[in-house]
Every structure is written in structure tokens, then in C-alpha cells.
PDB file of N, CA and C in Angstrom:
ATOM      1  N   MET A   1       0.619  -1.199  -0.213  1.00  0.00           N
ATOM      2  CA  MET A   1       0.163   0.057   0.066  1.00  0.00           C
ATOM      3  C   MET A   1       0.905   1.115   0.308  1.00  0.00           C
ATOM      4  N   ILE A   2       0.434   2.058  -0.940  1.00  0.00           N
ATOM      5  CA  ILE A   2       1.559   3.563  -0.877  1.00  0.00           C
ATOM      6  C   ILE A   2       0.462   4.617   0.017  1.00  0.00           C
ATOM      7  N   LEU A   3       1.358   4.905   0.657  1.00  0.00           N
ATOM      8  CA  LEU A   3       0.856   6.433   1.655  1.00  0.00           C
ATOM      9  C   LEU A   3       0.943   7.752   1.176  1.00  0.00           C
ATOM     10  N   ILE A   4       0.148   8.295   0.561  1.00  0.00           N
ATOM     11  CA  ILE A   4       0.295   9.593  -0.090  1.00  0.00           C
ATOM     12  C   ILE A   4       0.999  10.612   0.941  1.00  0.00           C
ATOM     13  N   ALA A   5       0.156  10.758   1.955  1.00  0.00           N
ATOM     14  CA  ALA A   5       0.453  11.532   2.864  1.00  0.00           C
ATOM     15  C   ALA A   5       1.082  10.598   4.202  1.00  0.00           C
ATOM     16  N   PRO A   6       2.049  10.299   4.590  1.00  0.00           N
ATOM     17  CA  PRO A   6       1.989   9.466   5.696  1.00  0.00           C
ATOM     18  C   PRO A   6       2.362  10.214   7.031  1.00  0.00           C
ATOM     19  N   LYS A   7       2.234  11.729   6.720  1.00  0.00           N
ATOM     20  CA  LYS A   7       2.151  12.487   8.362  1.00  0.00           C
ATOM     21  C   LYS A   7       0.831  12.753   8.811  1.00  0.00           C
ATOM     22  N   TYR A   8       0.138  11.980   8.007  1.00  0.00           N
ATOM     23  CA  TYR A   8      -1.459  12.177   8.797  1.00  0.00           C
ATOM     24  C   TYR A   8      -2.165  10.696   9.110  1.00  0.00           C
ATOM     25  N   VAL A   9      -1.126  10.154   8.914  1.00  0.00           N
ATOM     26  CA  VAL A   9      -1.646   8.666   9.888  1.00  0.00           C
ATOM     27  C   VAL A   9      -1.599   8.518  11.235  1.00  0.00           C
ATOM     28  N   PRO A  10      -0.665   8.972  12.055  1.00  0.00           N
ATOM     29  CA  PRO A  10      -1.085   8.872  13.513  1.00  0.00           C
ATOM     30  C   PRO A  10      -2.414   9.596  13.770  1.00  0.00           C
ATOM     31  N   HIS A  11      -2.863  10.785  13.194  1.00  0.00           N
ATOM     32  CA  HIS A  11      -3.889  11.534  13.581  1.00  0.00           C
ATOM     33  C   HIS A  11      -5.000  10.530  13.078  1.00  0.00           C
ATOM     34  N   LEU A  12      -5.247  10.146  11.876  1.00  0.00           N
ATOM     35  CA  LEU A  12      -5.936   9.518  11.896  1.00  0.00           C
ATOM     36  C   LEU A  12      -6.518   8.118  12.348  1.00  0.00           C
ATOM     37  N   ASN A  13      -5.161   7.737  13.227  1.00  0.00           N
ATOM     38  CA  ASN A  13      -5.420   6.254  13.491  1.00  0.00           C
ATOM     39  C   ASN A  13      -6.060   6.635  14.782  1.00  0.00           C
ATOM     40  N   LYS A  14      -5.831   8.011  15.466  1.00  0.00           N
ATOM     41  CA  LYS A  14      -6.266   8.258  16.719  1.00  0.00           C
ATOM     42  C   LYS A  14      -7.775   8.846  16.852  1.00  0.00           C
ATOM     43  N   ILE A  15      -8.219   9.294  15.462  1.00  0.00           N
ATOM     44  CA  ILE A  15      -9.532   9.500  15.091  1.00  0.00           C
ATOM     45  C   ILE A  15     -10.366   7.908  15.111  1.00  0.00           C
ATOM     46  N   HIS A  16      -9.813   7.152  14.000  1.00  0.00           N
ATOM     47  CA  HIS A  16     -10.699   5.899  14.197  1.00  0.00           C
ATOM     48  C   HIS A  16     -10.793   5.388  15.226  1.00  0.00           C
ATOM     49  N   ASN A  17      -9.855   5.471  16.153  1.00  0.00           N
ATOM     50  CA  ASN A  17      -9.964   4.768  17.653  1.00  0.00           C
ATOM     51  C   ASN A  17     -10.773   5.591  18.670  1.00  0.00           C
ATOM     52  N   VAL A  18     -11.221   6.532  18.100  1.00  0.00           N
ATOM     53  CA  VAL A  18     -12.323   7.576  19.150  1.00  0.00           C
ATOM     54  C   VAL A  18     -13.498   6.889  19.241  1.00  0.00           C
ATOM     55  N   LYS A  19     -14.164   6.867  20.540  1.00  0.00           N
ATOM     56  CA  LYS A  19     -15.789   6.352  20.472  1.00  0.00           C
ATOM     57  C   LYS A  19     -16.494   7.429  21.209  1.00  0.00           C
ATOM     58  N   GLY A  20     -17.579   7.289  20.959  1.00  0.00           N
ATOM     59  CA  GLY A  20     -18.374   8.426  21.550  1.00  0.00           C
ATOM     60  C   GLY A  20     -19.350   9.037  20.801  1.00  0.00           C
ATOM     61  N   GLN A  21     -19.829  10.306  21.078  1.00  0.00           N
ATOM     62  CA  GLN A  21     -20.884  11.100  20.217  1.00  0.00           C
ATOM     63  C   GLN A  21     -19.951  12.855  20.188  1.00  0.00           C
ATOM     64  N   LEU A  22     -20.389  13.102  19.124  1.00  0.00           N
ATOM     65  CA  LEU A  22     -19.753  14.371  19.012  1.00  0.00           C
ATOM     66  C   LEU A  22     -20.995  15.588  19.672  1.00  0.00           C
ATOM     67  N   LYS A  23     -20.563  16.481  20.484  1.00  0.00           N
ATOM     68  CA  LYS A  23     -21.615  17.123  20.926  1.00  0.00           C
ATOM     69  C   LYS A  23     -21.352  18.829  20.945  1.00  0.00           C
ATOM     70  N   PRO A  24     -22.067  19.449  20.822  1.00  0.00           N
ATOM     71  CA  PRO A  24     -21.896  21.273  20.756  1.00  0.00           C
ATOM     72  C   PRO A  24     -21.829  21.336  22.028  1.00  0.00           C
ATOM     73  N   SER A  25     -21.339  22.659  22.626  1.00  0.00           N
ATOM     74  CA  SER A  25     -21.016  23.011  23.807  1.00  0.00           C
ATOM     75  C   SER A  25     -22.334  24.075  23.778  1.00  0.00           C
ATOM     76  N   ASP A  26     -22.597  24.573  24.971  1.00  0.00           N
ATOM     77  CA  ASP A  26     -24.324  25.051  25.128  1.00  0.00           C
ATOM     78  C   ASP A  26     -23.944  26.359  24.031  1.00  0.00           C
ATOM     79  N   ASP A  27     -23.005  27.182  24.207  1.00  0.00           N
ATOM     80  CA  ASP A  27     -22.523  28.461  23.643  1.00  0.00           C
ATOM     81  C   ASP A  27     -22.773  28.057  21.880  1.00  0.00           C
ATOM     82  N   ALA A  28     -22.138  27.259  21.566  1.00  0.00           N
ATOM     83  CA  ALA A  28     -21.948  26.543  20.304  1.00  0.00           C
ATOM     84  C   ALA A  28     -23.461  26.409  19.850  1.00  0.00           C
ATOM     85  N   ARG A  29     -24.122  25.637  20.515  1.00  0.00           N
ATOM     86  CA  ARG A  29     -25.497  25.159  20.011  1.00  0.00           C
ATOM     87  C   ARG A  29     -26.603  26.527  20.034  1.00  0.00           C
ATOM     88  N   GLU A  30     -26.159  27.335  21.136  1.00  0.00           N
ATOM     89  CA  GLU A  30     -27.162  28.884  20.728  1.00  0.00           C
ATOM     90  C   GLU A  30     -26.752  29.783  19.756  1.00  0.00           C
ATOM     91  N   LEU A  31     -25.352  29.641  19.310  1.00  0.00           N
ATOM     92  CA  LEU A  31     -24.951  30.414  18.189  1.00  0.00           C
ATOM     93  C   LEU A  31     -25.106  29.770  16.890  1.00  0.00           C
ATOM     94  N   PHE A  32     -25.205  28.533  16.928  1.00  0.00           N
ATOM     95  CA  PHE A  32     -25.989  27.405  15.432  1.00  0.00           C
ATOM     96  C   PHE A  32     -27.235  28.005  15.296  1.00  0.00           C
ATOM     97  N   ASN A  33     -28.143  27.459  16.502  1.00  0.00           N
ATOM     98  CA  ASN A  33     -29.565  27.591  16.508  1.00  0.00           C
ATOM     99  C   ASN A  33     -30.136  29.037  15.861  1.00  0.00           C
ATOM    100  N   ALA A  34     -29.376  30.063  16.637  1.00  0.00           N
ATOM    101  CA  ALA A  34     -29.745  31.595  16.146  1.00  0.00           C
ATOM    102  C   ALA A  34     -29.621  31.923  14.494  1.00  0.00           C
ATOM    103  N   TRP A  35     -28.317  31.472  14.176  1.00  0.00           N
ATOM    104  CA  TRP A  35     -27.872  31.561  12.693  1.00  0.00           C
ATOM    105  C   TRP A  35     -28.726  30.932  12.171  1.00  0.00           C
ATOM    106  N   ARG A  36     -29.133  29.600  12.259  1.00  0.00           N
ATOM    107  CA  ARG A  36     -29.921  28.864  11.631  1.00  0.00           C
ATOM    108  C   ARG A  36     -31.481  29.563  11.150  1.00  0.00           C
ATOM    109  N   ARG A  37     -31.985  29.869  12.490  1.00  0.00           N
ATOM    110  CA  ARG A  37     -33.128  30.746  12.407  1.00  0.00           C
ATOM    111  C   ARG A  37     -33.048  31.552  11.434  1.00  0.00           C
ATOM    112  N   LYS A  38     -32.011  32.625  11.408  1.00  0.00           N
ATOM    113  CA  LYS A  38     -31.814  33.800  10.766  1.00  0.00           C
ATOM    114  C   LYS A  38     -31.760  33.484   9.332  1.00  0.00           C
ATOM    115  N   TRP A  39     -30.629  32.496   8.769  1.00  0.00           N
ATOM    116  CA  TRP A  39     -30.774  31.597   7.694  1.00  0.00           C
ATOM    117  C   TRP A  39     -32.038  31.203   7.062  1.00  0.00           C
ATOM    118  N   ARG A  40     -32.600  30.554   7.858  1.00  0.00           N
ATOM    119  CA  ARG A  40     -33.904  30.272   7.368  1.00  0.00           C
ATOM    120  C   ARG A  40     -34.749  31.187   7.001  1.00  0.00           C
ATOM    121  N   GLY A  41     -34.979  32.165   7.665  1.00  0.00           N
ATOM    122  CA  GLY A  41     -36.049  33.110   7.453  1.00  0.00           C
ATOM    123  C   GLY A  41     -35.408  34.326   6.490  1.00  0.00           C
ATOM    124  N   SER A  42     -33.961  34.119   5.762  1.00  0.00           N
ATOM    125  CA  SER A  42     -33.664  35.025   5.167  1.00  0.00           C
ATOM    126  C   SER A  42     -33.949  34.351   3.659  1.00  0.00           C
ATOM    127  N   GLN A  43     -34.331  32.989   3.460  1.00  0.00           N
ATOM    128  CA  GLN A  43     -33.720  32.448   2.261  1.00  0.00           C
ATOM    129  C   GLN A  43     -35.075  32.486   1.413  1.00  0.00           C
ATOM    130  N   THR A  44     -34.844  32.647   0.129  1.00  0.00           N
ATOM    131  CA  THR A  44     -35.790  32.514  -1.186  1.00  0.00           C
ATOM    132  C   THR A  44     -35.792  31.271  -1.417  1.00  0.00           C
ATOM    133  N   TYR A  45     -36.700  30.810  -2.492  1.00  0.00           N
ATOM    134  CA  TYR A  45     -36.955  29.729  -3.049  1.00  0.00           C
ATOM    135  C   TYR A  45     -35.622  29.576  -3.931  1.00  0.00           C
ATOM    136  N   ASP A  46     -35.222  28.324  -3.534  1.00  0.00           N
ATOM    137  CA  ASP A  46     -34.118  27.881  -4.659  1.00  0.00           C
ATOM    138  C   ASP A  46     -34.338  26.471  -5.668  1.00  0.00           C
ATOM    139  N   LYS A  47     -34.327  26.610  -6.633  1.00  0.00           N
ATOM    140  CA  LYS A  47     -34.447  25.316  -7.272  1.00  0.00           C
ATOM    141  C   LYS A  47     -33.876  23.840  -7.168  1.00  0.00           C
ATOM    142  N   THR A  48     -32.544  24.323  -6.706  1.00  0.00           N
ATOM    143  CA  THR A  48     -31.714  23.026  -6.295  1.00  0.00           C
ATOM    144  C   THR A  48     -31.695  22.428  -5.045  1.00  0.00           C
ATOM    145  N   GLY A  49     -32.155  23.378  -4.193  1.00  0.00           N
ATOM    146  CA  GLY A  49     -32.599  23.303  -2.610  1.00  0.00           C
ATOM    147  C   GLY A  49     -31.227  23.101  -2.004  1.00  0.00           C
ATOM    148  N   PHE A  50     -30.204  23.672  -2.503  1.00  0.00           N
ATOM    149  CA  PHE A  50     -28.878  24.120  -1.949  1.00  0.00           C
ATOM    150  C   PHE A  50     -29.047  24.827  -0.853  1.00  0.00           C
ATOM    151  N   LEU A  51     -29.980  26.202  -0.662  1.00  0.00           N
ATOM    152  CA  LEU A  51     -29.897  27.060   0.060  1.00  0.00           C
ATOM    153  C   LEU A  51     -30.672  26.463   1.527  1.00  0.00           C
ATOM    154  N   ASN A  52     -31.386  25.211   1.194  1.00  0.00           N
ATOM    155  CA  ASN A  52     -32.429  24.582   2.429  1.00  0.00           C
ATOM    156  C   ASN A  52     -31.380  23.902   2.879  1.00  0.00           C
ATOM    157  N   ARG A  53     -29.965  23.049   2.116  1.00  0.00           N
ATOM    158  CA  ARG A  53     -29.201  22.421   2.828  1.00  0.00           C
ATOM    159  C   ARG A  53     -28.287  22.691   3.540  1.00  0.00           C
ATOM    160  N   VAL A  54     -28.066  24.282   3.494  1.00  0.00           N
ATOM    161  CA  VAL A  54     -26.792  24.812   3.942  1.00  0.00           C
ATOM    162  C   VAL A  54     -26.630  24.650   5.521  1.00  0.00           C
ATOM    163  N   PRO A  55     -27.704  24.911   6.282  1.00  0.00           N
ATOM    164  CA  PRO A  55     -27.345  24.648   7.651  1.00  0.00           C
ATOM    165  C   PRO A  55     -26.861  23.352   8.094  1.00  0.00           C
ATOM    166  N   ASP A  56     -27.266  22.047   7.248  1.00  0.00           N
ATOM    167  CA  ASP A  56     -27.041  20.646   7.346  1.00  0.00           C
ATOM    168  C   ASP A  56     -25.465  20.565   7.079  1.00  0.00           C
ATOM    169  N   HIS A  57     -24.920  21.433   6.068  1.00  0.00           N
ATOM    170  CA  HIS A  57     -23.699  21.516   5.598  1.00  0.00           C
ATOM    171  C   HIS A  57     -22.735  21.948   6.666  1.00  0.00           C
ATOM    172  N   VAL A  58     -23.554  23.017   7.198  1.00  0.00           N
ATOM    173  CA  VAL A  58     -22.461  23.673   8.424  1.00  0.00           C
ATOM    174  C   VAL A  58     -22.168  22.995   9.380  1.00  0.00           C
ATOM    175  N   LEU A  59     -23.508  22.081   9.992  1.00  0.00           N
ATOM    176  CA  LEU A  59     -23.161  21.152  10.928  1.00  0.00           C
ATOM    177  C   LEU A  59     -22.377  20.192  10.786  1.00  0.00           C
ATOM    178  N   LYS A  60     -22.146  19.478   9.582  1.00  0.00           N
ATOM    179  CA  LYS A  60     -21.257  18.632   9.133  1.00  0.00           C
ATOM    180  C   LYS A  60     -19.871  19.124   8.986  1.00  0.00           C
ATOM    181  N   VAL A  61     -19.903  20.246   8.689  1.00  0.00           N
ATOM    182  CA  VAL A  61     -18.347  20.571   8.564  1.00  0.00           C
ATOM    183  C   VAL A  61     -17.986  21.017   9.636  1.00  0.00           C
ATOM    184  N   SER A  62     -18.672  21.543  10.814  1.00  0.00           N
ATOM    185  CA  SER A  62     -18.343  21.950  12.061  1.00  0.00           C
ATOM    186  C   SER A  62     -17.939  20.407  12.884  1.00  0.00           C
ATOM    187  N   MET A  63     -18.697  19.541  12.359  1.00  0.00           N
ATOM    188  CA  MET A  63     -18.257  18.031  12.906  1.00  0.00           C
ATOM    189  C   MET A  63     -16.832  17.370  12.570  1.00  0.00           C
ATOM    190  N   CYS A  64     -16.590  17.639  11.060  1.00  0.00           N
ATOM    191  CA  CYS A  64     -15.140  17.242  10.843  1.00  0.00           C
ATOM    192  C   CYS A  64     -14.206  18.264  11.068  1.00  0.00           C
ATOM    193  N   LEU A  65     -14.692  19.531  11.488  1.00  0.00           N
ATOM    194  CA  LEU A  65     -13.382  20.320  12.133  1.00  0.00           C
ATOM    195  C   LEU A  65     -13.127  19.926  13.409  1.00  0.00           C
ATOM    196  N   CYS A  66     -14.158  19.671  14.446  1.00  0.00           N
ATOM    197  CA  CYS A  66     -14.058  18.885  15.215  1.00  0.00           C
ATOM    198  C   CYS A  66     -13.240  17.720  15.580  1.00  0.00           C
ATOM    199  N   LEU A  67     -13.474  16.544  14.600  1.00  0.00           N
ATOM    200  CA  LEU A  67     -12.360  15.573  14.523  1.00  0.00           C
ATOM    201  C   LEU A  67     -11.064  16.021  13.950  1.00  0.00           C
ATOM    202  N   SER A  68     -11.083  17.348  13.423  1.00  0.00           N
ATOM    203  CA  SER A  68      -9.671  17.321  13.053  1.00  0.00           C
ATOM    204  C   SER A  68      -8.940  17.999  13.916  1.00  0.00           C
ATOM    205  N   ASP A  69      -9.126  18.386  15.439  1.00  0.00           N
ATOM    206  CA  ASP A  69      -8.582  19.044  16.591  1.00  0.00           C
ATOM    207  C   ASP A  69      -7.367  17.774  17.191  1.00  0.00           C
ATOM    208  N   TRP A  70      -6.574  18.223  16.849  1.00  0.00           N
ATOM    209  CA  TRP A  70      -5.469  17.336  17.356  1.00  0.00           C
ATOM    210  C   TRP A  70      -5.625  16.944  18.587  1.00  0.00           C
ATOM    211  N   ASP A  71      -6.283  17.582  19.453  1.00  0.00           N
ATOM    212  CA  ASP A  71      -6.445  17.448  21.092  1.00  0.00           C
ATOM    213  C   ASP A  71      -7.823  17.191  20.779  1.00  0.00           C
ATOM    214  N   PHE A  72      -8.459  16.096  20.253  1.00  0.00           N
ATOM    215  CA  PHE A  72     -10.005  15.568  20.366  1.00  0.00           C
ATOM    216  C   PHE A  72     -10.383  15.864  21.812  1.00  0.00           C
ATOM    217  N   THR A  73     -11.789  16.231  21.776  1.00  0.00           N
ATOM    218  CA  THR A  73     -12.481  16.054  23.286  1.00  0.00           C
ATOM    219  C   THR A  73     -13.604  15.692  22.962  1.00  0.00           C
ATOM    220  N   GLY A  74     -14.286  15.737  21.534  1.00  0.00           N
ATOM    221  CA  GLY A  74     -15.738  15.470  21.281  1.00  0.00           C
ATOM    222  C   GLY A  74     -16.567  16.423  21.415  1.00  0.00           C
ATOM    223  N   GLU A  75     -16.407  17.753  21.886  1.00  0.00           N
ATOM    224  CA  GLU A  75     -16.691  18.777  21.811  1.00  0.00           C
ATOM    225  C   GLU A  75     -16.964  19.568  20.713  1.00  0.00           C
ATOM    226  N   ILE A  76     -18.159  20.018  20.368  1.00  0.00           N
ATOM    227  CA  ILE A  76     -18.140  20.946  18.950  1.00  0.00           C
ATOM    228  C   ILE A  76     -18.092  22.291  19.576  1.00  0.00           C
ATOM    229  N   THR A  77     -17.224  23.254  19.537  1.00  0.00           N
ATOM    230  CA  THR A  77     -16.964  24.494  19.936  1.00  0.00           C
ATOM    231  C   THR A  77     -17.805  25.677  19.027  1.00  0.00           C
ATOM    232  N   GLN A  78     -17.829  26.880  19.584  1.00  0.00           N
ATOM    233  CA  GLN A  78     -18.361  27.821  18.819  1.00  0.00           C
ATOM    234  C   GLN A  78     -17.804  28.077  17.662  1.00  0.00           C
ATOM    235  N   THR A  79     -16.202  28.360  17.726  1.00  0.00           N
ATOM    236  CA  THR A  79     -15.063  28.349  16.606  1.00  0.00           C
ATOM    237  C   THR A  79     -15.476  27.165  15.719  1.00  0.00           C
ATOM    238  N   HIS A  80     -15.561  26.043  15.767  1.00  0.00           N
ATOM    239  CA  HIS A  80     -15.919  25.206  15.075  1.00  0.00           C
ATOM    240  C   HIS A  80     -17.018  25.647  13.869  1.00  0.00           C
ATOM    241  N   PHE A  81     -18.440  26.305  14.487  1.00  0.00           N
ATOM    242  CA  PHE A  81     -19.437  26.724  13.683  1.00  0.00           C
ATOM    243  C   PHE A  81     -18.797  27.957  13.359  1.00  0.00           C
ATOM    244  N   GLU A  82     -18.365  28.895  13.844  1.00  0.00           N
ATOM    245  CA  GLU A  82     -17.788  30.339  13.109  1.00  0.00           C
ATOM    246  C   GLU A  82     -17.139  29.736  11.891  1.00  0.00           C
ATOM    247  N   VAL A  83     -16.274  28.898  11.944  1.00  0.00           N
ATOM    248  CA  VAL A  83     -15.285  28.784  10.614  1.00  0.00           C
ATOM    249  C   VAL A  83     -16.361  27.849   9.712  1.00  0.00           C
ATOM    250  N   ALA A  84     -17.415  27.073  10.171  1.00  0.00           N
ATOM    251  CA  ALA A  84     -17.685  26.253   8.993  1.00  0.00           C
ATOM    252  C   ALA A  84     -18.849  27.063   8.354  1.00  0.00           C
ATOM    253  N   ILE A  85     -19.794  28.100   9.219  1.00  0.00           N
ATOM    254  CA  ILE A  85     -20.663  28.895   8.517  1.00  0.00           C
ATOM    255  C   ILE A  85     -19.761  29.734   7.665  1.00  0.00           C
ATOM    256  N   GLU A  86     -18.956  30.323   8.050  1.00  0.00           N
ATOM    257  CA  GLU A  86     -18.097  31.076   6.887  1.00  0.00           C
ATOM    258  C   GLU A  86     -17.572  30.686   5.528  1.00  0.00           C
ATOM    259  N   LYS A  87     -16.866  29.153   5.646  1.00  0.00           N
ATOM    260  CA  LYS A  87     -16.871  28.109   4.496  1.00  0.00           C
ATOM    261  C   LYS A  87     -17.942  28.086   3.904  1.00  0.00           C
ATOM    262  N   VAL A  88     -18.716  27.516   4.312  1.00  0.00           N
ATOM    263  CA  VAL A  88     -19.898  26.848   3.570  1.00  0.00           C
ATOM    264  C   VAL A  88     -20.683  27.873   2.913  1.00  0.00           C
ATOM    265  N   THR A  89     -21.193  29.059   3.469  1.00  0.00           N
ATOM    266  CA  THR A  89     -21.771  30.341   3.073  1.00  0.00           C
ATOM    267  C   THR A  89     -20.999  30.973   2.005  1.00  0.00           C
ATOM    268  N   SER A  90     -19.730  30.831   1.987  1.00  0.00           N
ATOM    269  CA  SER A  90     -19.077  31.416   0.575  1.00  0.00           C
ATOM    270  C   SER A  90     -19.453  30.616  -0.342  1.00  0.00           C
ATOM    271  N   LEU A  91     -19.941  29.407  -0.507  1.00  0.00           N
ATOM    272  CA  LEU A  91     -20.240  28.336  -1.741  1.00  0.00           C
ATOM    273  C   LEU A  91     -21.483  28.759  -2.441  1.00  0.00           C
ATOM    274  N   VAL A  92     -22.223  29.855  -1.545  1.00  0.00           N
ATOM    275  CA  VAL A  92     -23.384  29.989  -2.108  1.00  0.00           C
ATOM    276  C   VAL A  92     -23.049  30.891  -3.466  1.00  0.00           C
ATOM    277  N   TYR A  93     -22.497  31.985  -3.679  1.00  0.00           N
ATOM    278  CA  TYR A  93     -22.548  32.427  -4.977  1.00  0.00           C
ATOM    279  C   TYR A  93     -22.111  31.585  -6.031  1.00  0.00           C
ATOM    280  N   ALA A  94     -21.166  30.712  -5.848  1.00  0.00           N
ATOM    281  CA  ALA A  94     -20.362  30.140  -6.592  1.00  0.00           C
ATOM    282  C   ALA A  94     -21.654  29.034  -7.161  1.00  0.00           C
ATOM    283  N   ASN A  95     -22.196  28.334  -6.070  1.00  0.00           N
ATOM    284  CA  ASN A  95     -23.577  27.567  -6.763  1.00  0.00           C
ATOM    285  C   ASN A  95     -24.409  28.080  -7.465  1.00  0.00           C
ATOM    286  N   LYS A  96     -24.851  29.372  -7.117  1.00  0.00           N
ATOM    287  CA  LYS A  96     -26.000  30.458  -7.792  1.00  0.00           C
ATOM    288  C   LYS A  96     -25.166  30.284  -9.179  1.00  0.00           C
ATOM    289  N   ARG A  97     -23.728  30.552  -9.154  1.00  0.00           N
ATOM    290  CA  ARG A  97     -23.408  30.999 -10.963  1.00  0.00           C
ATOM    291  C   ARG A  97     -23.417  29.333 -11.363  1.00  0.00           C
ATOM    292  N   THR A  98     -23.106  28.417 -11.079  1.00  0.00           N
ATOM    293  CA  THR A  98     -22.981  27.527 -11.486  1.00  0.00           C
ATOM    294  C   THR A  98     -24.769  26.867 -12.073  1.00  0.00           C
ATOM    295  N   THR A  99     -25.344  26.682 -10.894  1.00  0.00           N
ATOM    296  CA  THR A  99     -26.849  26.450 -11.211  1.00  0.00           C
ATOM    297  C   THR A  99     -27.513  27.177 -12.367  1.00  0.00           C
ATOM    298  N   GLU A 100     -27.087  28.598 -12.791  1.00  0.00           N
ATOM    299  CA  GLU A 100     -27.483  29.451 -13.641  1.00  0.00           C
ATOM    300  C   GLU A 100     -26.946  29.395 -15.042  1.00  0.00           C
ATOM    301  N   GLY A 101     -25.848  28.157 -14.948  1.00  0.00           N
ATOM    302  CA  GLY A 101     -24.930  27.937 -16.443  1.00  0.00           C
ATOM    303  C   GLY A 101     -24.266  29.077 -16.574  1.00  0.00           C
ATOM    304  N   ARG A 102     -23.885  29.964 -15.785  1.00  0.00           N
ATOM    305  CA  ARG A 102     -22.702  30.828 -15.775  1.00  0.00           C
ATOM    306  C   ARG A 102     -21.238  30.280 -15.547  1.00  0.00           C
ATOM    307  N   GLY A 103     -21.010  29.153 -15.185  1.00  0.00           N
ATOM    308  CA  GLY A 103     -19.837  28.971 -14.565  1.00  0.00           C
ATOM    309  C   GLY A 103     -19.227  29.232 -12.969  1.00  0.00           C
ATOM    310  N   PRO A 104     -18.481  29.044 -12.549  1.00  0.00           N
ATOM    311  CA  PRO A 104     -17.840  29.329 -11.144  1.00  0.00           C
ATOM    312  C   PRO A 104     -17.494  30.640 -11.484  1.00  0.00           C
ATOM    313  N   ASP A 105     -17.393  31.303 -10.032  1.00  0.00           N
ATOM    314  CA  ASP A 105     -16.862  32.678  -9.898  1.00  0.00           C
ATOM    315  C   ASP A 105     -15.442  33.136 -10.881  1.00  0.00           C
ATOM    316  N   PRO A 106     -15.710  33.914 -11.873  1.00  0.00           N
ATOM    317  CA  PRO A 106     -14.490  34.271 -12.325  1.00  0.00           C
ATOM    318  C   PRO A 106     -13.353  34.942 -11.865  1.00  0.00           C
ATOM    319  N   LEU A 107     -13.516  35.281 -10.744  1.00  0.00           N
ATOM    320  CA  LEU A 107     -12.565  35.591  -9.714  1.00  0.00           C
ATOM    321  C   LEU A 107     -11.917  34.610  -8.713  1.00  0.00           C
ATOM    322  N   SER A 108     -12.475  33.271  -8.870  1.00  0.00           N
ATOM    323  CA  SER A 108     -12.002  32.417  -7.994  1.00  0.00           C
ATOM    324  C   SER A 108     -10.491  31.823  -8.863  1.00  0.00           C
ATOM    325  N   ARG A 109      -9.437  31.407  -7.773  1.00  0.00           N
ATOM    326  CA  ARG A 109      -8.271  30.726  -8.132  1.00  0.00           C
ATOM    327  C   ARG A 109      -8.474  29.066  -8.206  1.00  0.00           C
ATOM    328  N   CYS A 110      -7.765  28.750  -8.770  1.00  0.00           N
ATOM    329  CA  CYS A 110      -7.494  27.237  -8.540  1.00  0.00           C
ATOM    330  C   CYS A 110      -6.287  26.965  -7.768  1.00  0.00           C
ATOM    331  N   TYR A 111      -6.682  26.224  -7.003  1.00  0.00           N
ATOM    332  CA  TYR A 111      -5.721  25.369  -6.127  1.00  0.00           C
ATOM    333  C   TYR A 111      -4.870  24.018  -6.474  1.00  0.00           C
ATOM    334  N   GLN A 112      -3.556  24.101  -6.477  1.00  0.00           N
ATOM    335  CA  GLN A 112      -3.416  22.361  -6.951  1.00  0.00           C
ATOM    336  C   GLN A 112      -2.809  22.038  -5.222  1.00  0.00           C
ATOM    337  N   ILE A 113      -2.993  20.996  -4.869  1.00  0.00           N
ATOM    338  CA  ILE A 113      -2.637  20.133  -3.831  1.00  0.00           C
ATOM    339  C   ILE A 113      -1.636  19.483  -3.871  1.00  0.00           C
ATOM    340  N   GLN A 114      -0.710  20.052  -2.866  1.00  0.00           N
ATOM    341  CA  GLN A 114       0.561  19.233  -3.183  1.00  0.00           C
ATOM    342  C   GLN A 114       0.843  18.479  -1.883  1.00  0.00           C
ATOM    343  N   TYR A 115       1.392  17.141  -2.024  1.00  0.00           N
ATOM    344  CA  TYR A 115       1.653  16.512  -1.080  1.00  0.00           C
ATOM    345  C   TYR A 115       3.503  16.316  -0.649  1.00  0.00           C
TER     346      TYR A 115
END
């Protein structure tokens, strides 16, 4: 087996061996619920359904961020949600352009992942 990025193996093994649930802290839960209510209230019809799924994507990304913490505690923090909200909501514009047939944002840059 060829390992592309062997430096990540110890952390991935650590994540693999973790048991239990991911739970948001109280302040993180309050932040997410307040943001989610505001998001749902401000959205209009979207034929793709992407806008309706944004809160779900934010939750999943925050869970991944929690898992990626080197000192894993199982607690999703307010910072995890803040980063997830920023990253996921920034996809709305590109999604709109793509579904309208105009392609991705012309100002976006392509990045090549190097290992």
C-alpha cells in the first residue's frame, strides 16, 4: 500500500479509535440555532435545494473540524461553527452561478494540492 501523506496517519488512527458522540457546547448550540433561524428566515426559493441544505452542511463541516482537532475532546465549539458558517456560506455565490449556467466565479483561483 502506498501512503500519499504518511504524516497524517497518526492523527487518522487516533480519530479511528475514538468512541462516543460529538456534542456541541451550550454556547456553540445557541450560536448555531440563532444563525440557522436567521438563515432560514432570509432565504427565498432555490430550485436546486442547496440553500435549504446549507445549515446541514454547516453542521457536518463543524463536526469534521471537531474531529480534526489534534487534542480531540468530542465537543463542537463555537469556533468550529463560526469557521464552518464562513466556509459553507461562501459557496452560495459559486453555486448560484453554476446552476444558472454561468460557471464558477471568474474571480476564484484554482489551487493545486501538493503532497
